[in-house]
Amino acid sequence: MNNPEMSIVTVNWNGWKDTIECLESLYRGTHEDFKVIVVDNGSNDGSIEELKKWADGKSRVQSRFFNCDSKIWPIEYIECTAAELWNGGSTGTAEPAEKNKRGKTLFLMKSDKNHGFPEGCNIGIRFALSHFDPKYILIMNNDVVVSPTFIENLVIPMERDSSIGMASPKINWYDNPNLIWWGGCKINWWTGKIRTRCGEIDALEKQNTQVDGVTGCCMIIRSKLFHEIGFLDPAYFISGYDTYEYSYRAAKKRYKLIYNPSSRIWHKYSKSAQKMPPTYHIINPIVHTIRFYSTCANFYQLPSILLFQLFRLLAVRFRFIVSFIYSRKSRDKLISILRSLRK
């Protein structure tokens, strides 16, 4: 199979260690032609400098999934802000003429603030479409590790069937590689329940299946979809519903959505979401749930969906609030706040 040109977009926010492990697994893969665009969402932990040191071969990463050696360094990179990219200015080890050459080039794009996952991806996607015109865009979380042939295995069915618009690989847990984190998506449009097979033992299936949505943890998209249905909705910020909503738009255009278990990656699970404040985890899931189903479900399905989701979210948030209050650190913080209010 030929190596169709693609651009890979990942978003980093104060997570350079995870990003380095992700990038190294990509560069150790067998696919020979891609551009990697790392959009740094206003990190304050020196992420860009750490990524540059890694690209220069001055730092190493430890991983259970590959052996660290010197085969891939140095890696050519181009460092720039979003404005510099659009205006043609940049710094780094790659010459300007190398931006469009075949092979592997790393772009480190600095953003001025945290735009959230969907808009962070959109920044990288717009740049890729404008400068490289790739056949495919591959979006992935920065806290994943990929198998060496995962790109080829993901692309082969799409090359054979032009009606496939989007696809996701099998995603297992990083800390428990034999358990599935995401193994397809089926949405019950009466209850809103989304089944992803999370927690099931990996059965090593090989058959591609059509699904109701693909996951933003890792998904490949035909570039022409962005011209037909637009970009990810930035209103979801950090939410799994952003890519399910995008999948819904693609399905309305009669594109197939595929789960491809022959392509495999491993996920550390929502490292960016874990850094968000507690109020985000209480309020935003409710807002995003209502937004998604009010947009994508039929009007006559909404009452049962909203009722079921309300009970589900209240149960989850109640457990979260109780565990937050009863944790020692949080309890001490709460007592300190109450004492300050009495003064």
C-alpha atoms as a PDB file:
ATOM      1  CA  MET A   1       0.000   0.000   0.000  1.00  0.00           C
ATOM      2  CA  ASN A   2       1.162   3.543  -0.793  1.00  0.00           C
ATOM      3  CA  ASN A   3       1.616   5.880   2.145  1.00  0.00           C
ATOM      4  CA  PRO A   4      -1.154   8.470   1.650  1.00  0.00           C
ATOM      5  CA  GLU A   5      -0.139  11.844   2.996  1.00  0.00           C
ATOM      6  CA  MET A   6      -1.683  12.738   6.324  1.00  0.00           C
ATOM      7  CA  SER A   7      -1.395  15.308   9.067  1.00  0.00           C
ATOM      8  CA  ILE A   8      -1.535  14.257  12.706  1.00  0.00           C
ATOM      9  CA  VAL A   9      -2.891  16.755  15.227  1.00  0.00           C
ATOM     10  CA  THR A  10      -2.542  16.465  18.987  1.00  0.00           C
ATOM     11  CA  VAL A  11      -3.151  18.995  21.735  1.00  0.00           C
ATOM     12  CA  ASN A  12      -0.830  19.446  24.711  1.00  0.00           C
ATOM     13  CA  TRP A  13      -1.744  21.226  27.933  1.00  0.00           C
ATOM     14  CA  ASN A  14       0.837  20.956  30.716  1.00  0.00           C
ATOM     15  CA  GLY A  15       1.487  17.330  29.783  1.00  0.00           C
ATOM     16  CA  TRP A  16       4.815  17.179  27.973  1.00  0.00           C
ATOM     17  CA  LYS A  17       5.835  13.802  29.433  1.00  0.00           C
ATOM     18  CA  ASP A  18       2.740  12.129  27.997  1.00  0.00           C
ATOM     19  CA  THR A  19       3.160  14.005  24.708  1.00  0.00           C
ATOM     20  CA  ILE A  20       6.758  12.848  24.326  1.00  0.00           C
ATOM     21  CA  GLU A  21       5.816   9.207  24.866  1.00  0.00           C
ATOM     22  CA  CYS A  22       3.007   9.596  22.327  1.00  0.00           C
ATOM     23  CA  LEU A  23       5.269  11.223  19.731  1.00  0.00           C
ATOM     24  CA  GLU A  24       8.030   8.690  20.182  1.00  0.00           C
ATOM     25  CA  SER A  25       5.619   5.813  19.599  1.00  0.00           C
ATOM     26  CA  LEU A  26       4.481   7.567  16.402  1.00  0.00           C
ATOM     27  CA  TYR A  27       8.018   8.096  15.128  1.00  0.00           C
ATOM     28  CA  ARG A  28       8.860   4.466  15.791  1.00  0.00           C
ATOM     29  CA  GLY A  29       5.949   3.402  13.580  1.00  0.00           C
ATOM     30  CA  THR A  30       6.158   2.103  10.031  1.00  0.00           C
ATOM     31  CA  HIS A  31       4.205   4.857   8.252  1.00  0.00           C
ATOM     32  CA  GLU A  32       6.697   7.048   6.404  1.00  0.00           C
ATOM     33  CA  ASP A  33       4.834  10.191   5.428  1.00  0.00           C
ATOM     34  CA  PHE A  34       3.104  12.466   7.910  1.00  0.00           C
ATOM     35  CA  LYS A  35       3.277  15.889   9.480  1.00  0.00           C
ATOM     36  CA  VAL A  36       2.762  16.052  13.254  1.00  0.00           C
ATOM     37  CA  ILE A  37       1.256  19.264  14.574  1.00  0.00           C
ATOM     38  CA  VAL A  38       1.418  19.678  18.350  1.00  0.00           C
ATOM     39  CA  VAL A  39      -0.836  22.536  19.443  1.00  0.00           C
ATOM     40  CA  ASP A  40       0.292  23.684  22.875  1.00  0.00           C
ATOM     41  CA  ASN A  41      -2.766  25.117  24.642  1.00  0.00           C
ATOM     42  CA  GLY A  42      -1.065  27.820  26.700  1.00  0.00           C
ATOM     43  CA  SER A  43       0.975  25.459  28.912  1.00  0.00           C
ATOM     44  CA  ASN A  44       2.935  26.943  31.810  1.00  0.00           C
ATOM     45  CA  ASP A  45       5.130  23.921  32.581  1.00  0.00           C
ATOM     46  CA  GLY A  46       7.802  24.529  29.916  1.00  0.00           C
ATOM     47  CA  SER A  47       6.240  21.989  27.547  1.00  0.00           C
ATOM     48  CA  ILE A  48       7.639  23.478  24.327  1.00  0.00           C
ATOM     49  CA  GLU A  49      11.205  23.525  25.656  1.00  0.00           C
ATOM     50  CA  GLU A  50      10.912  19.925  26.849  1.00  0.00           C
ATOM     51  CA  LEU A  51       9.540  18.817  23.473  1.00  0.00           C
ATOM     52  CA  LYS A  52      12.445  20.566  21.717  1.00  0.00           C
ATOM     53  CA  LYS A  53      14.974  18.828  23.969  1.00  0.00           C
ATOM     54  CA  TRP A  54      13.382  15.489  23.148  1.00  0.00           C
ATOM     55  CA  ALA A  55      13.434  16.228  19.400  1.00  0.00           C
ATOM     56  CA  ASP A  56      17.136  17.098  19.669  1.00  0.00           C
ATOM     57  CA  GLY A  57      17.803  13.777  21.396  1.00  0.00           C
ATOM     58  CA  LYS A  58      18.728  15.420  24.707  1.00  0.00           C
ATOM     59  CA  SER A  59      16.050  13.708  26.804  1.00  0.00           C
ATOM     60  CA  ARG A  60      14.646  10.199  26.973  1.00  0.00           C
ATOM     61  CA  VAL A  61      11.282   8.726  27.822  1.00  0.00           C
ATOM     62  CA  GLN A  62      10.549   5.472  29.594  1.00  0.00           C
ATOM     63  CA  SER A  63       7.717   3.347  28.243  1.00  0.00           C
ATOM     64  CA  ARG A  64       6.457  -0.185  28.751  1.00  0.00           C
ATOM     65  CA  PHE A  65       5.532  -0.351  25.052  1.00  0.00           C
ATOM     66  CA  PHE A  66       8.876   0.295  23.336  1.00  0.00           C
ATOM     67  CA  ASN A  67      12.616   0.348  24.022  1.00  0.00           C
ATOM     68  CA  CYS A  68      14.261   3.732  23.990  1.00  0.00           C
ATOM     69  CA  ASP A  69      17.233   3.938  21.600  1.00  0.00           C
ATOM     70  CA  SER A  70      18.844   6.480  19.299  1.00  0.00           C
ATOM     71  CA  LYS A  71      17.333   5.346  15.981  1.00  0.00           C
ATOM     72  CA  ILE A  72      14.861   8.209  15.546  1.00  0.00           C
ATOM     73  CA  TRP A  73      16.922  11.256  16.586  1.00  0.00           C
ATOM     74  CA  PRO A  74      17.421  14.019  15.770  1.00  0.00           C
ATOM     75  CA  ILE A  75      13.887  14.888  14.736  1.00  0.00           C
ATOM     76  CA  GLU A  76      13.372  17.910  12.505  1.00  0.00           C
ATOM     77  CA  TYR A  77      10.972  20.372  14.064  1.00  0.00           C
ATOM     78  CA  ILE A  78       9.552  23.802  13.370  1.00  0.00           C
ATOM     79  CA  GLU A  79       8.657  25.966  16.366  1.00  0.00           C
ATOM     80  CA  CYS A  80       6.212  28.806  15.957  1.00  0.00           C
ATOM     81  CA  THR A  81       3.215  30.623  17.302  1.00  0.00           C
ATOM     82  CA  ALA A  82      -0.110  30.335  15.522  1.00  0.00           C
ATOM     83  CA  ALA A  83       0.416  33.803  14.018  1.00  0.00           C
ATOM     84  CA  GLU A  84       3.935  32.934  12.821  1.00  0.00           C
ATOM     85  CA  LEU A  85       2.682  29.794  11.111  1.00  0.00           C
ATOM     86  CA  TRP A  86       0.122  31.707   9.122  1.00  0.00           C
ATOM     87  CA  ASN A  87       2.606  34.470   8.275  1.00  0.00           C
ATOM     88  CA  GLY A  88       5.375  32.088   7.248  1.00  0.00           C
ATOM     89  CA  GLY A  89       7.815  32.801  10.094  1.00  0.00           C
ATOM     90  CA  SER A  90       9.232  30.118  12.350  1.00  0.00           C
ATOM     91  CA  THR A  91      12.308  28.772  14.100  1.00  0.00           C
ATOM     92  CA  GLY A  92      13.602  25.250  14.531  1.00  0.00           C
ATOM     93  CA  THR A  93      15.872  22.653  12.957  1.00  0.00           C
ATOM     94  CA  ALA A  94      13.908  22.211   9.703  1.00  0.00           C
ATOM     95  CA  GLU A  95      14.502  24.546   6.789  1.00  0.00           C
ATOM     96  CA  PRO A  96      11.466  26.406   5.337  1.00  0.00           C
ATOM     97  CA  ALA A  97      11.682  24.356   2.134  1.00  0.00           C
ATOM     98  CA  GLU A  98      11.322  21.179   4.202  1.00  0.00           C
ATOM     99  CA  LYS A  99       7.862  22.082   5.446  1.00  0.00           C
ATOM    100  CA  ASN A 100       6.223  20.484   2.429  1.00  0.00           C
ATOM    101  CA  LYS A 101       8.634  17.630   1.704  1.00  0.00           C
ATOM    102  CA  ARG A 102       7.654  13.989   2.001  1.00  0.00           C
ATOM    103  CA  GLY A 103       8.580  12.347   5.281  1.00  0.00           C
ATOM    104  CA  LYS A 104       8.064  13.124   8.952  1.00  0.00           C
ATOM    105  CA  THR A 105       8.162  16.715  10.206  1.00  0.00           C
ATOM    106  CA  LEU A 106       7.191  17.972  13.657  1.00  0.00           C
ATOM    107  CA  PHE A 107       5.467  21.338  14.137  1.00  0.00           C
ATOM    108  CA  LEU A 108       5.355  22.838  17.639  1.00  0.00           C
ATOM    109  CA  MET A 109       2.610  25.455  17.619  1.00  0.00           C
ATOM    110  CA  LYS A 110       2.345  27.725  20.650  1.00  0.00           C
ATOM    111  CA  SER A 111      -1.101  29.054  21.521  1.00  0.00           C
ATOM    112  CA  ASP A 112      -1.670  32.039  23.785  1.00  0.00           C
ATOM    113  CA  LYS A 113      -4.292  30.325  25.973  1.00  0.00           C
ATOM    114  CA  ASN A 114      -6.158  27.089  26.650  1.00  0.00           C
ATOM    115  CA  HIS A 115      -8.699  26.868  23.835  1.00  0.00           C
ATOM    116  CA  GLY A 116      -9.965  23.435  24.917  1.00  0.00           C
ATOM    117  CA  PHE A 117      -9.576  20.205  22.968  1.00  0.00           C
ATOM    118  CA  PRO A 118     -11.941  20.839  20.001  1.00  0.00           C
ATOM    119  CA  GLU A 119     -10.657  24.323  19.164  1.00  0.00           C
ATOM    120  CA  GLY A 120      -7.059  23.267  19.816  1.00  0.00           C
ATOM    121  CA  CYS A 121      -7.569  20.548  17.213  1.00  0.00           C
ATOM    122  CA  ASN A 122      -9.257  23.021  14.855  1.00  0.00           C
ATOM    123  CA  ILE A 123      -6.186  25.294  14.980  1.00  0.00           C
ATOM    124  CA  GLY A 124      -3.950  22.433  13.872  1.00  0.00           C
ATOM    125  CA  ILE A 125      -6.452  21.138  11.302  1.00  0.00           C
ATOM    126  CA  ARG A 126      -6.865  24.536   9.608  1.00  0.00           C
ATOM    127  CA  PHE A 127      -3.116  24.900   9.350  1.00  0.00           C
ATOM    128  CA  ALA A 128      -2.703  21.394   7.889  1.00  0.00           C
ATOM    129  CA  LEU A 129      -5.454  21.855   5.307  1.00  0.00           C
ATOM    130  CA  SER A 130      -4.080  25.224   4.250  1.00  0.00           C
ATOM    131  CA  HIS A 131      -0.412  24.235   3.979  1.00  0.00           C
ATOM    132  CA  PHE A 132      -0.242  20.526   3.151  1.00  0.00           C
ATOM    133  CA  ASP A 133      -3.611  19.478   1.675  1.00  0.00           C
ATOM    134  CA  PRO A 134      -3.378  15.962   3.220  1.00  0.00           C
ATOM    135  CA  LYS A 135      -5.748  13.194   2.241  1.00  0.00           C
ATOM    136  CA  TYR A 136      -6.410  12.368   5.898  1.00  0.00           C
ATOM    137  CA  ILE A 137      -6.340  14.160   9.241  1.00  0.00           C
ATOM    138  CA  LEU A 138      -5.541  12.012  12.271  1.00  0.00           C
ATOM    139  CA  ILE A 139      -6.612  13.488  15.621  1.00  0.00           C
ATOM    140  CA  MET A 140      -5.320  11.902  18.792  1.00  0.00           C
ATOM    141  CA  ASN A 141      -5.004  12.607  22.492  1.00  0.00           C
ATOM    142  CA  ASN A 142      -1.509  13.343  23.718  1.00  0.00           C
ATOM    143  CA  ASP A 143      -1.735  10.618  26.405  1.00  0.00           C
ATOM    144  CA  VAL A 144      -1.849   7.624  24.069  1.00  0.00           C
ATOM    145  CA  VAL A 145       0.801   5.176  22.865  1.00  0.00           C
ATOM    146  CA  VAL A 146       0.371   3.608  19.436  1.00  0.00           C
ATOM    147  CA  SER A 147       1.393   0.277  17.925  1.00  0.00           C
ATOM    148  CA  PRO A 148       3.967   0.413  15.085  1.00  0.00           C
ATOM    149  CA  THR A 149       1.480  -0.435  12.299  1.00  0.00           C
ATOM    150  CA  PHE A 150      -1.590   1.310  13.670  1.00  0.00           C
ATOM    151  CA  ILE A 151      -1.667   4.000  10.941  1.00  0.00           C
ATOM    152  CA  GLU A 152      -1.458   1.512   8.055  1.00  0.00           C
ATOM    153  CA  ASN A 153      -4.134  -0.692   9.596  1.00  0.00           C
ATOM    154  CA  LEU A 154      -6.385   2.322  10.079  1.00  0.00           C
ATOM    155  CA  VAL A 155      -5.891   3.628   6.538  1.00  0.00           C
ATOM    156  CA  ILE A 156      -6.236   0.395   4.522  1.00  0.00           C
ATOM    157  CA  PRO A 157     -10.057   0.092   4.812  1.00  0.00           C
ATOM    158  CA  MET A 158     -10.497   3.788   4.016  1.00  0.00           C
ATOM    159  CA  GLU A 159      -8.371   3.447   0.885  1.00  0.00           C
ATOM    160  CA  ARG A 160     -10.525   0.524  -0.234  1.00  0.00           C
ATOM    161  CA  ASP A 161     -13.895   2.113   0.572  1.00  0.00           C
ATOM    162  CA  SER A 162     -14.363   5.799  -0.182  1.00  0.00           C
ATOM    163  CA  SER A 163     -17.683   5.863   1.688  1.00  0.00           C
ATOM    164  CA  ILE A 164     -15.849   5.533   5.039  1.00  0.00           C
ATOM    165  CA  GLY A 165     -15.542   9.057   6.363  1.00  0.00           C
ATOM    166  CA  MET A 166     -14.145   8.468   9.843  1.00  0.00           C
ATOM    167  CA  ALA A 167     -12.619   5.594  11.790  1.00  0.00           C
ATOM    168  CA  SER A 168     -11.179   4.871  15.226  1.00  0.00           C
ATOM    169  CA  PRO A 169      -8.873   2.046  16.339  1.00  0.00           C
ATOM    170  CA  LYS A 170      -9.268  -0.325  19.245  1.00  0.00           C
ATOM    171  CA  ILE A 171      -8.198   1.530  22.380  1.00  0.00           C
ATOM    172  CA  ASN A 172      -7.074  -0.376  25.459  1.00  0.00           C
ATOM    173  CA  TRP A 173      -6.087   0.884  28.888  1.00  0.00           C
ATOM    174  CA  TYR A 174      -2.452   1.926  29.245  1.00  0.00           C
ATOM    175  CA  ASP A 175      -2.175   0.506  32.779  1.00  0.00           C
ATOM    176  CA  ASN A 176      -4.118  -2.658  31.945  1.00  0.00           C
ATOM    177  CA  PRO A 177      -3.379  -3.448  28.290  1.00  0.00           C
ATOM    178  CA  ASN A 178      -5.720  -6.462  28.148  1.00  0.00           C
ATOM    179  CA  LEU A 179      -8.798  -4.388  28.988  1.00  0.00           C
ATOM    180  CA  ILE A 180     -10.688  -2.342  26.414  1.00  0.00           C
ATOM    181  CA  TRP A 181     -11.100   1.397  26.978  1.00  0.00           C
ATOM    182  CA  TRP A 182     -13.012   2.021  23.731  1.00  0.00           C
ATOM    183  CA  GLY A 183     -14.216  -0.736  21.412  1.00  0.00           C
ATOM    184  CA  GLY A 184     -16.855   0.903  19.224  1.00  0.00           C
ATOM    185  CA  CYS A 185     -19.841   3.084  19.989  1.00  0.00           C
ATOM    186  CA  LYS A 186     -23.541   2.327  20.026  1.00  0.00           C
ATOM    187  CA  ILE A 187     -25.936   5.064  21.142  1.00  0.00           C
ATOM    188  CA  ASN A 188     -29.382   4.289  22.519  1.00  0.00           C
ATOM    189  CA  TRP A 189     -31.393   7.249  21.218  1.00  0.00           C
ATOM    190  CA  TRP A 190     -34.171   6.670  23.758  1.00  0.00           C
ATOM    191  CA  THR A 191     -32.037   6.672  26.908  1.00  0.00           C
ATOM    192  CA  GLY A 192     -28.924   8.406  25.631  1.00  0.00           C
ATOM    193  CA  LYS A 193     -26.780   5.582  26.947  1.00  0.00           C
ATOM    194  CA  ILE A 194     -23.527   5.210  25.007  1.00  0.00           C
ATOM    195  CA  ARG A 195     -21.974   1.737  24.987  1.00  0.00           C
ATOM    196  CA  THR A 196     -18.244   1.661  24.271  1.00  0.00           C
ATOM    197  CA  ARG A 197     -17.373  -1.768  25.766  1.00  0.00           C
ATOM    198  CA  CYS A 198     -15.175  -0.018  28.323  1.00  0.00           C
ATOM    199  CA  GLY A 199     -13.795  -2.523  30.840  1.00  0.00           C
ATOM    200  CA  GLU A 200     -14.336  -5.622  28.715  1.00  0.00           C
ATOM    201  CA  ILE A 201     -11.515  -8.129  28.252  1.00  0.00           C
ATOM    202  CA  ASP A 202      -9.873  -7.776  24.848  1.00  0.00           C
ATOM    203  CA  ALA A 203     -11.241 -10.544  22.641  1.00  0.00           C
ATOM    204  CA  LEU A 204      -8.762  -9.848  19.816  1.00  0.00           C
ATOM    205  CA  GLU A 205     -11.496  -9.478  17.190  1.00  0.00           C
ATOM    206  CA  LYS A 206     -10.450  -8.463  13.662  1.00  0.00           C
ATOM    207  CA  GLN A 207     -13.692  -7.560  11.874  1.00  0.00           C
ATOM    208  CA  ASN A 208     -14.377  -3.873  11.184  1.00  0.00           C
ATOM    209  CA  THR A 209     -17.819  -2.762  12.358  1.00  0.00           C
ATOM    210  CA  GLN A 210     -19.961   0.250  11.609  1.00  0.00           C
ATOM    211  CA  VAL A 211     -20.617   2.388  14.694  1.00  0.00           C
ATOM    212  CA  ASP A 212     -22.722   5.377  15.754  1.00  0.00           C
ATOM    213  CA  GLY A 213     -19.693   7.524  16.524  1.00  0.00           C
ATOM    214  CA  VAL A 214     -15.901   7.556  16.682  1.00  0.00           C
ATOM    215  CA  THR A 215     -13.822   8.832  19.572  1.00  0.00           C
ATOM    216  CA  GLY A 216     -11.631  11.916  19.717  1.00  0.00           C
ATOM    217  CA  CYS A 217      -9.112   9.924  21.706  1.00  0.00           C
ATOM    218  CA  CYS A 218      -7.957   8.780  18.265  1.00  0.00           C
ATOM    219  CA  MET A 219      -9.807   9.179  14.987  1.00  0.00           C
ATOM    220  CA  ILE A 220      -8.871   9.466  11.323  1.00  0.00           C
ATOM    221  CA  ILE A 221     -10.981  11.726   9.112  1.00  0.00           C
ATOM    222  CA  ARG A 222     -11.061  12.249   5.366  1.00  0.00           C
ATOM    223  CA  SER A 223      -9.910  15.815   4.838  1.00  0.00           C
ATOM    224  CA  LYS A 224     -12.808  16.606   2.520  1.00  0.00           C
ATOM    225  CA  LEU A 225     -15.232  16.265   5.437  1.00  0.00           C
ATOM    226  CA  PHE A 226     -13.935  19.516   6.907  1.00  0.00           C
ATOM    227  CA  HIS A 227     -14.934  21.288   3.702  1.00  0.00           C
ATOM    228  CA  GLU A 228     -18.358  19.615   3.726  1.00  0.00           C
ATOM    229  CA  ILE A 229     -19.441  19.723   7.382  1.00  0.00           C
ATOM    230  CA  GLY A 230     -17.038  22.162   9.037  1.00  0.00           C
ATOM    231  CA  PHE A 231     -14.873  21.714  12.112  1.00  0.00           C
ATOM    232  CA  LEU A 232     -15.255  20.463  15.676  1.00  0.00           C
ATOM    233  CA  ASP A 233     -17.602  22.460  17.912  1.00  0.00           C
ATOM    234  CA  PRO A 234     -15.401  24.464  20.345  1.00  0.00           C
ATOM    235  CA  ALA A 235     -18.294  24.847  22.798  1.00  0.00           C
ATOM    236  CA  TYR A 236     -17.618  21.338  24.153  1.00  0.00           C
ATOM    237  CA  PHE A 237     -14.124  22.402  25.377  1.00  0.00           C
ATOM    238  CA  ILE A 238     -13.123  19.078  27.038  1.00  0.00           C
ATOM    239  CA  SER A 239     -15.888  16.566  26.451  1.00  0.00           C
ATOM    240  CA  GLY A 240     -16.293  13.269  24.645  1.00  0.00           C
ATOM    241  CA  TYR A 241     -19.450  14.628  23.041  1.00  0.00           C
ATOM    242  CA  ASP A 242     -17.516  16.887  20.645  1.00  0.00           C
ATOM    243  CA  THR A 243     -16.468  14.040  18.366  1.00  0.00           C
ATOM    244  CA  TYR A 244     -19.775  12.187  18.708  1.00  0.00           C
ATOM    245  CA  GLU A 245     -21.505  15.357  17.525  1.00  0.00           C
ATOM    246  CA  TYR A 246     -19.045  15.550  14.627  1.00  0.00           C
ATOM    247  CA  SER A 247     -19.707  11.876  13.860  1.00  0.00           C
ATOM    248  CA  TYR A 248     -23.427  12.659  13.758  1.00  0.00           C
ATOM    249  CA  ARG A 249     -22.827  15.369  11.157  1.00  0.00           C
ATOM    250  CA  ALA A 250     -20.727  12.985   9.039  1.00  0.00           C
ATOM    251  CA  ALA A 251     -23.375  10.254   9.236  1.00  0.00           C
ATOM    252  CA  LYS A 252     -26.028  12.718   8.042  1.00  0.00           C
ATOM    253  CA  LYS A 253     -23.899  13.128   4.902  1.00  0.00           C
ATOM    254  CA  ARG A 254     -24.069   9.326   4.430  1.00  0.00           C
ATOM    255  CA  TYR A 255     -20.475   8.656   5.441  1.00  0.00           C
ATOM    256  CA  LYS A 256     -19.717   5.407   7.257  1.00  0.00           C
ATOM    257  CA  LEU A 257     -18.213   5.505  10.747  1.00  0.00           C
ATOM    258  CA  ILE A 258     -15.940   2.534  11.419  1.00  0.00           C
ATOM    259  CA  TYR A 259     -14.412   0.813  14.432  1.00  0.00           C
ATOM    260  CA  ASN A 260     -11.209  -0.875  13.260  1.00  0.00           C
ATOM    261  CA  PRO A 261      -9.883  -3.393  15.832  1.00  0.00           C
ATOM    262  CA  SER A 262      -6.856  -4.351  13.729  1.00  0.00           C
ATOM    263  CA  SER A 263      -5.431  -0.920  14.571  1.00  0.00           C
ATOM    264  CA  ARG A 264      -4.434  -0.661  18.250  1.00  0.00           C
ATOM    265  CA  ILE A 265      -3.416   2.014  20.736  1.00  0.00           C
ATOM    266  CA  TRP A 266      -3.296   2.379  24.540  1.00  0.00           C
ATOM    267  CA  HIS A 267      -4.761   5.284  26.507  1.00  0.00           C
ATOM    268  CA  LYS A 268      -3.847   6.732  29.908  1.00  0.00           C
ATOM    269  CA  TYR A 269      -7.355   8.226  30.202  1.00  0.00           C
ATOM    270  CA  SER A 270      -8.256  11.918  30.260  1.00  0.00           C
ATOM    271  CA  LYS A 271      -5.086  13.388  31.712  1.00  0.00           C
ATOM    272  CA  SER A 272      -6.150  16.929  30.713  1.00  0.00           C
ATOM    273  CA  ALA A 273      -9.645  16.565  32.192  1.00  0.00           C
ATOM    274  CA  GLN A 274      -8.125  15.469  35.506  1.00  0.00           C
ATOM    275  CA  LYS A 275      -6.382  18.866  35.756  1.00  0.00           C
ATOM    276  CA  MET A 276      -9.639  20.804  35.542  1.00  0.00           C
ATOM    277  CA  PRO A 277     -11.193  22.270  38.738  1.00  0.00           C
ATOM    278  CA  PRO A 278     -13.900  20.273  40.597  1.00  0.00           C
ATOM    279  CA  THR A 279     -16.658  22.648  39.442  1.00  0.00           C
ATOM    280  CA  TYR A 280     -15.919  21.669  35.839  1.00  0.00           C
ATOM    281  CA  HIS A 281     -16.648  18.015  36.563  1.00  0.00           C
ATOM    282  CA  ILE A 282     -19.922  18.891  38.295  1.00  0.00           C
ATOM    283  CA  ILE A 283     -21.463  21.431  35.916  1.00  0.00           C
ATOM    284  CA  ASN A 284     -20.011  20.945  32.443  1.00  0.00           C
ATOM    285  CA  PRO A 285     -21.055  17.301  31.854  1.00  0.00           C
ATOM    286  CA  ILE A 286     -24.673  18.341  32.391  1.00  0.00           C
ATOM    287  CA  VAL A 287     -24.349  21.267  29.975  1.00  0.00           C
ATOM    288  CA  HIS A 288     -22.606  19.155  27.323  1.00  0.00           C
ATOM    289  CA  THR A 289     -25.096  16.307  27.647  1.00  0.00           C
ATOM    290  CA  ILE A 290     -28.050  18.619  27.105  1.00  0.00           C
ATOM    291  CA  ARG A 291     -26.290  20.340  24.210  1.00  0.00           C
ATOM    292  CA  PHE A 292     -25.451  17.083  22.427  1.00  0.00           C
ATOM    293  CA  TYR A 293     -28.849  15.378  22.654  1.00  0.00           C
ATOM    294  CA  SER A 294     -30.858  18.531  21.956  1.00  0.00           C
ATOM    295  CA  THR A 295     -28.798  18.891  18.760  1.00  0.00           C
ATOM    296  CA  CYS A 296     -28.615  15.285  17.567  1.00  0.00           C
ATOM    297  CA  ALA A 297     -31.661  13.396  18.887  1.00  0.00           C
ATOM    298  CA  ASN A 298     -35.179  13.563  17.450  1.00  0.00           C
ATOM    299  CA  PHE A 299     -37.488  15.886  19.374  1.00  0.00           C
ATOM    300  CA  TYR A 300     -39.775  13.048  20.454  1.00  0.00           C
ATOM    301  CA  GLN A 301     -36.802  11.188  21.995  1.00  0.00           C
ATOM    302  CA  LEU A 302     -35.666  14.121  24.114  1.00  0.00           C
ATOM    303  CA  PRO A 303     -37.984  13.671  27.146  1.00  0.00           C
ATOM    304  CA  SER A 304     -36.875  10.084  27.841  1.00  0.00           C
ATOM    305  CA  ILE A 305     -33.218  10.893  27.108  1.00  0.00           C
ATOM    306  CA  LEU A 306     -33.130  13.928  29.375  1.00  0.00           C
ATOM    307  CA  LEU A 307     -34.905  12.104  32.202  1.00  0.00           C
ATOM    308  CA  PHE A 308     -32.539   9.132  32.047  1.00  0.00           C
ATOM    309  CA  GLN A 309     -29.438  11.320  31.713  1.00  0.00           C
ATOM    310  CA  LEU A 310     -30.548  13.583  34.571  1.00  0.00           C
ATOM    311  CA  PHE A 311     -30.753  10.650  36.986  1.00  0.00           C
ATOM    312  CA  ARG A 312     -27.451   9.253  35.730  1.00  0.00           C
ATOM    313  CA  LEU A 313     -25.587  12.531  36.024  1.00  0.00           C
ATOM    314  CA  LEU A 314     -27.031  13.312  39.437  1.00  0.00           C
ATOM    315  CA  ALA A 315     -25.907   9.898  40.701  1.00  0.00           C
ATOM    316  CA  VAL A 316     -22.406  10.353  39.315  1.00  0.00           C
ATOM    317  CA  ARG A 317     -22.069  13.949  40.560  1.00  0.00           C
ATOM    318  CA  PHE A 318     -23.396  12.982  43.992  1.00  0.00           C
ATOM    319  CA  ARG A 319     -20.701  10.320  44.345  1.00  0.00           C
ATOM    320  CA  PHE A 320     -18.086  12.821  43.157  1.00  0.00           C
ATOM    321  CA  ILE A 321     -19.231  15.496  45.630  1.00  0.00           C
ATOM    322  CA  VAL A 322     -19.308  13.041  48.539  1.00  0.00           C
ATOM    323  CA  SER A 323     -15.809  11.729  47.762  1.00  0.00           C
ATOM    324  CA  PHE A 324     -14.575  15.327  47.381  1.00  0.00           C
ATOM    325  CA  ILE A 325     -16.014  16.423  50.731  1.00  0.00           C
ATOM    326  CA  TYR A 326     -14.785  13.371  52.608  1.00  0.00           C
ATOM    327  CA  SER A 327     -11.240  13.421  51.269  1.00  0.00           C
ATOM    328  CA  ARG A 328      -8.909  14.779  53.949  1.00  0.00           C
ATOM    329  CA  LYS A 329      -7.366  17.491  51.791  1.00  0.00           C
ATOM    330  CA  SER A 330     -10.719  18.771  50.566  1.00  0.00           C
ATOM    331  CA  ARG A 331     -12.232  18.614  54.056  1.00  0.00           C
ATOM    332  CA  ASP A 332      -9.395  20.708  55.487  1.00  0.00           C
ATOM    333  CA  LYS A 333      -9.804  23.214  52.648  1.00  0.00           C
ATOM    334  CA  LEU A 334     -13.555  23.431  53.283  1.00  0.00           C
ATOM    335  CA  ILE A 335     -13.008  23.985  57.015  1.00  0.00           C
ATOM    336  CA  SER A 336     -10.478  26.723  56.247  1.00  0.00           C
ATOM    337  CA  ILE A 337     -12.979  28.492  53.954  1.00  0.00           C
ATOM    338  CA  LEU A 338     -15.754  28.301  56.563  1.00  0.00           C
ATOM    339  CA  ARG A 339     -13.469  29.699  59.263  1.00  0.00           C
ATOM    340  CA  SER A 340     -12.464  32.606  57.025  1.00  0.00           C
ATOM    341  CA  LEU A 341     -16.125  33.413  56.431  1.00  0.00           C
ATOM    342  CA  ARG A 342     -16.780  33.610  60.180  1.00  0.00           C
ATOM    343  CA  LYS A 343     -14.095  36.250  60.695  1.00  0.00           C
END
